[in-house]
């Protein structure tokens, strides 16, 4: 699995994200482009420790069973379940959210494994920095594919 810490991978993700436009249509799911950018931004805030959420009860039970799906090579199914904390129901400003996502993505990648939180993930529990590198790539790749990128 690719990792967001790899500068070549970061460049690829950046190039793909820069092609996203406000009116880009999703091939599946309910989010528009601006909502997707904010959704992805919020997951970086969890990965870098800016947001520290308590473990979910369901995550304590099911998290260990699904943990490897966060960072393994198997693509996520279309319309994978999203935690309510990451569902964006408002209509954010596309250019602002895209810029914020590009910035947090770059900062996380450049800082490397040292940028990862040690706080348990709300669903999966303990995630290593290496697993976060792969998982954050996988999450962005999933959503960029959602918009045909």
C-alpha atoms as a PDB file:
ATOM      1  CA  UNK A   1       0.000   0.000   0.000  1.00  0.00           C
ATOM      2  CA  UNK A   2       1.219   3.484  -0.810  1.00  0.00           C
ATOM      3  CA  UNK A   3       1.890   5.882   2.044  1.00  0.00           C
ATOM      4  CA  UNK A   4       1.159   9.595   2.202  1.00  0.00           C
ATOM      5  CA  UNK A   5       4.634  10.074   3.692  1.00  0.00           C
ATOM      6  CA  UNK A   6       6.216   9.276   0.320  1.00  0.00           C
ATOM      7  CA  UNK A   7       6.885  12.584  -1.520  1.00  0.00           C
ATOM      8  CA  UNK A   8       6.002  10.978  -4.870  1.00  0.00           C
ATOM      9  CA  UNK A   9       2.667   9.788  -3.463  1.00  0.00           C
ATOM     10  CA  UNK A  10       1.996  13.221  -1.972  1.00  0.00           C
ATOM     11  CA  UNK A  11       2.659  14.807  -5.374  1.00  0.00           C
ATOM     12  CA  UNK A  12       0.249  12.351  -7.051  1.00  0.00           C
ATOM     13  CA  UNK A  13      -2.493  13.031  -4.507  1.00  0.00           C
ATOM     14  CA  UNK A  14      -1.938  16.781  -4.774  1.00  0.00           C
ATOM     15  CA  UNK A  15      -2.185  16.669  -8.562  1.00  0.00           C
ATOM     16  CA  UNK A  16      -5.401  14.664  -8.415  1.00  0.00           C
ATOM     17  CA  UNK A  17      -6.947  16.913  -5.772  1.00  0.00           C
ATOM     18  CA  UNK A  18      -6.044  20.042  -7.716  1.00  0.00           C
ATOM     19  CA  UNK A  19      -8.178  18.741 -10.599  1.00  0.00           C
ATOM     20  CA  UNK A  20     -11.244  18.616  -8.321  1.00  0.00           C
ATOM     21  CA  UNK A  21     -13.707  21.408  -9.050  1.00  0.00           C
ATOM     22  CA  UNK A  22     -16.676  22.744  -7.103  1.00  0.00           C
ATOM     23  CA  UNK A  23     -19.089  21.260  -9.633  1.00  0.00           C
ATOM     24  CA  UNK A  24     -17.349  17.861  -9.903  1.00  0.00           C
ATOM     25  CA  UNK A  25     -19.966  15.141  -9.615  1.00  0.00           C
ATOM     26  CA  UNK A  26     -19.546  12.143  -7.345  1.00  0.00           C
ATOM     27  CA  UNK A  27     -19.777   8.737  -8.990  1.00  0.00           C
ATOM     28  CA  UNK A  28     -21.277   7.381  -5.759  1.00  0.00           C
ATOM     29  CA  UNK A  29     -22.251   8.583  -2.314  1.00  0.00           C
ATOM     30  CA  UNK A  30     -24.022  11.689  -1.063  1.00  0.00           C
ATOM     31  CA  UNK A  31     -21.202  14.220  -0.569  1.00  0.00           C
ATOM     32  CA  UNK A  32     -20.442  17.018  -2.978  1.00  0.00           C
ATOM     33  CA  UNK A  33     -16.854  18.106  -3.651  1.00  0.00           C
ATOM     34  CA  UNK A  34     -16.722  20.707  -0.863  1.00  0.00           C
ATOM     35  CA  UNK A  35     -18.196  18.297   1.679  1.00  0.00           C
ATOM     36  CA  UNK A  36     -15.696  15.625   0.667  1.00  0.00           C
ATOM     37  CA  UNK A  37     -12.792  18.037   1.179  1.00  0.00           C
ATOM     38  CA  UNK A  38     -14.002  18.967   4.665  1.00  0.00           C
ATOM     39  CA  UNK A  39     -14.683  15.311   5.496  1.00  0.00           C
ATOM     40  CA  UNK A  40     -11.110  14.373   4.543  1.00  0.00           C
ATOM     41  CA  UNK A  41      -9.705  17.384   6.403  1.00  0.00           C
ATOM     42  CA  UNK A  42     -11.423  16.255   9.602  1.00  0.00           C
ATOM     43  CA  UNK A  43      -9.863  12.790   9.328  1.00  0.00           C
ATOM     44  CA  UNK A  44      -6.411  14.395   9.125  1.00  0.00           C
ATOM     45  CA  UNK A  45      -7.240  16.282  12.327  1.00  0.00           C
ATOM     46  CA  UNK A  46      -7.800  12.912  14.002  1.00  0.00           C
ATOM     47  CA  UNK A  47      -4.589  11.476  12.526  1.00  0.00           C
ATOM     48  CA  UNK A  48      -2.445  14.432  13.610  1.00  0.00           C
ATOM     49  CA  UNK A  49      -4.032  14.656  17.059  1.00  0.00           C
ATOM     50  CA  UNK A  50      -5.807  18.005  16.623  1.00  0.00           C
ATOM     51  CA  UNK A  51      -9.045  16.178  17.425  1.00  0.00           C
ATOM     52  CA  UNK A  52      -9.041  13.567  20.161  1.00  0.00           C
ATOM     53  CA  UNK A  53     -12.272  11.624  20.284  1.00  0.00           C
ATOM     54  CA  UNK A  54     -13.227   8.989  22.800  1.00  0.00           C
ATOM     55  CA  UNK A  55     -13.344   5.377  21.652  1.00  0.00           C
ATOM     56  CA  UNK A  56     -16.707   4.370  20.272  1.00  0.00           C
ATOM     57  CA  UNK A  57     -18.385   1.436  21.980  1.00  0.00           C
ATOM     58  CA  UNK A  58     -18.954  -0.253  18.620  1.00  0.00           C
ATOM     59  CA  UNK A  59     -15.306   0.391  17.754  1.00  0.00           C
ATOM     60  CA  UNK A  60     -14.141  -1.408  20.865  1.00  0.00           C
ATOM     61  CA  UNK A  61     -16.074  -4.455  19.669  1.00  0.00           C
ATOM     62  CA  UNK A  62     -15.667  -4.312  15.885  1.00  0.00           C
ATOM     63  CA  UNK A  63     -12.582  -2.114  15.474  1.00  0.00           C
ATOM     64  CA  UNK A  64     -10.034  -4.919  15.896  1.00  0.00           C
ATOM     65  CA  UNK A  65     -11.859  -7.006  13.268  1.00  0.00           C
ATOM     66  CA  UNK A  66     -11.745  -4.215  10.675  1.00  0.00           C
ATOM     67  CA  UNK A  67      -8.521  -2.437  11.626  1.00  0.00           C
ATOM     68  CA  UNK A  68      -6.419  -3.867   8.791  1.00  0.00           C
ATOM     69  CA  UNK A  69      -9.022  -2.655   6.267  1.00  0.00           C
ATOM     70  CA  UNK A  70      -7.925   0.898   7.155  1.00  0.00           C
ATOM     71  CA  UNK A  71      -4.427   0.396   5.726  1.00  0.00           C
ATOM     72  CA  UNK A  72      -4.298  -2.804   3.671  1.00  0.00           C
ATOM     73  CA  UNK A  73      -4.207  -3.057  -0.142  1.00  0.00           C
ATOM     74  CA  UNK A  74      -7.868  -3.990  -0.541  1.00  0.00           C
ATOM     75  CA  UNK A  75      -9.942  -0.998  -1.796  1.00  0.00           C
ATOM     76  CA  UNK A  76     -12.898   0.114   0.264  1.00  0.00           C
ATOM     77  CA  UNK A  77     -16.325  -0.588  -1.207  1.00  0.00           C
ATOM     78  CA  UNK A  78     -18.215   2.324  -2.712  1.00  0.00           C
ATOM     79  CA  UNK A  79     -20.510   4.093  -0.231  1.00  0.00           C
ATOM     80  CA  UNK A  80     -18.663   2.669   2.785  1.00  0.00           C
ATOM     81  CA  UNK A  81     -20.346   3.599   6.077  1.00  0.00           C
ATOM     82  CA  UNK A  82     -19.225   6.958   7.476  1.00  0.00           C
ATOM     83  CA  UNK A  83     -19.162   7.767  11.164  1.00  0.00           C
ATOM     84  CA  UNK A  84     -21.726  10.467  11.994  1.00  0.00           C
ATOM     85  CA  UNK A  85     -18.857  12.676  13.238  1.00  0.00           C
ATOM     86  CA  UNK A  86     -17.537  12.899   9.676  1.00  0.00           C
ATOM     87  CA  UNK A  87     -20.774  13.386   7.773  1.00  0.00           C
ATOM     88  CA  UNK A  88     -20.827  16.940   6.489  1.00  0.00           C
ATOM     89  CA  UNK A  89     -24.412  18.163   6.189  1.00  0.00           C
ATOM     90  CA  UNK A  90     -23.740  21.874   5.699  1.00  0.00           C
ATOM     91  CA  UNK A  91     -22.547  23.426   2.428  1.00  0.00           C
ATOM     92  CA  UNK A  92     -18.960  24.569   3.001  1.00  0.00           C
ATOM     93  CA  UNK A  93     -17.101  26.908   0.638  1.00  0.00           C
ATOM     94  CA  UNK A  94     -15.311  24.702  -1.885  1.00  0.00           C
ATOM     95  CA  UNK A  95     -12.140  26.741  -2.470  1.00  0.00           C
ATOM     96  CA  UNK A  96     -11.580  27.236   1.261  1.00  0.00           C
ATOM     97  CA  UNK A  97     -12.019  23.533   2.037  1.00  0.00           C
ATOM     98  CA  UNK A  98      -9.886  22.395  -0.877  1.00  0.00           C
ATOM     99  CA  UNK A  99      -7.078  24.750   0.174  1.00  0.00           C
ATOM    100  CA  UNK A 100      -7.308  23.591   3.799  1.00  0.00           C
ATOM    101  CA  UNK A 101      -7.193  19.942   2.713  1.00  0.00           C
ATOM    102  CA  UNK A 102      -4.163  20.490   0.490  1.00  0.00           C
ATOM    103  CA  UNK A 103      -2.373  22.250   3.347  1.00  0.00           C
ATOM    104  CA  UNK A 104      -3.101  19.691   6.090  1.00  0.00           C
ATOM    105  CA  UNK A 105      -2.298  16.850   3.701  1.00  0.00           C
ATOM    106  CA  UNK A 106       1.083  18.407   2.825  1.00  0.00           C
ATOM    107  CA  UNK A 107       1.911  19.249   6.444  1.00  0.00           C
ATOM    108  CA  UNK A 108       1.055  15.725   7.610  1.00  0.00           C
ATOM    109  CA  UNK A 109       3.122  14.144   4.864  1.00  0.00           C
ATOM    110  CA  UNK A 110       6.167  16.371   5.275  1.00  0.00           C
ATOM    111  CA  UNK A 111       6.192  15.981   9.074  1.00  0.00           C
ATOM    112  CA  UNK A 112       6.176  12.209   8.569  1.00  0.00           C
ATOM    113  CA  UNK A 113       5.491   9.630  11.187  1.00  0.00           C
ATOM    114  CA  UNK A 114       6.285  12.114  13.957  1.00  0.00           C
ATOM    115  CA  UNK A 115       3.075  13.983  13.018  1.00  0.00           C
ATOM    116  CA  UNK A 116       0.848  11.080  14.038  1.00  0.00           C
ATOM    117  CA  UNK A 117      -1.169  11.050  17.171  1.00  0.00           C
ATOM    118  CA  UNK A 118      -0.673   8.383  19.768  1.00  0.00           C
ATOM    119  CA  UNK A 119      -4.285   8.854  20.859  1.00  0.00           C
ATOM    120  CA  UNK A 120      -6.392   5.797  19.956  1.00  0.00           C
ATOM    121  CA  UNK A 121      -8.512   6.090  16.841  1.00  0.00           C
ATOM    122  CA  UNK A 122     -12.207   6.326  17.823  1.00  0.00           C
ATOM    123  CA  UNK A 123     -13.083   3.191  15.847  1.00  0.00           C
ATOM    124  CA  UNK A 124      -9.896   1.175  15.242  1.00  0.00           C
ATOM    125  CA  UNK A 125      -8.029   1.852  18.492  1.00  0.00           C
ATOM    126  CA  UNK A 126      -4.228   2.077  18.401  1.00  0.00           C
ATOM    127  CA  UNK A 127      -2.946   2.931  14.935  1.00  0.00           C
ATOM    128  CA  UNK A 128       0.800   3.044  14.306  1.00  0.00           C
ATOM    129  CA  UNK A 129       2.336   5.936  12.354  1.00  0.00           C
ATOM    130  CA  UNK A 130       3.096   3.544   9.481  1.00  0.00           C
ATOM    131  CA  UNK A 131      -0.543   2.401   9.430  1.00  0.00           C
ATOM    132  CA  UNK A 132      -1.708   6.036   9.477  1.00  0.00           C
ATOM    133  CA  UNK A 133       0.507   6.807   6.476  1.00  0.00           C
ATOM    134  CA  UNK A 134      -1.092   4.014   4.489  1.00  0.00           C
ATOM    135  CA  UNK A 135      -4.602   4.624   5.818  1.00  0.00           C
ATOM    136  CA  UNK A 136      -4.593   8.338   5.060  1.00  0.00           C
ATOM    137  CA  UNK A 137      -3.444   7.589   1.506  1.00  0.00           C
ATOM    138  CA  UNK A 138      -6.139   4.944   1.141  1.00  0.00           C
ATOM    139  CA  UNK A 139      -8.852   7.286   2.436  1.00  0.00           C
ATOM    140  CA  UNK A 140      -7.898  10.112   0.066  1.00  0.00           C
ATOM    141  CA  UNK A 141      -7.531   7.719  -2.853  1.00  0.00           C
ATOM    142  CA  UNK A 142     -11.020   6.349  -2.135  1.00  0.00           C
ATOM    143  CA  UNK A 143     -12.595   9.814  -2.169  1.00  0.00           C
ATOM    144  CA  UNK A 144     -10.652  11.047  -5.179  1.00  0.00           C
ATOM    145  CA  UNK A 145     -11.870   7.965  -7.084  1.00  0.00           C
ATOM    146  CA  UNK A 146     -15.361   8.842  -5.867  1.00  0.00           C
ATOM    147  CA  UNK A 147     -15.020  11.997  -7.986  1.00  0.00           C
ATOM    148  CA  UNK A 148     -13.382  10.245 -10.938  1.00  0.00           C
ATOM    149  CA  UNK A 149      -9.870  11.419 -10.102  1.00  0.00           C
END
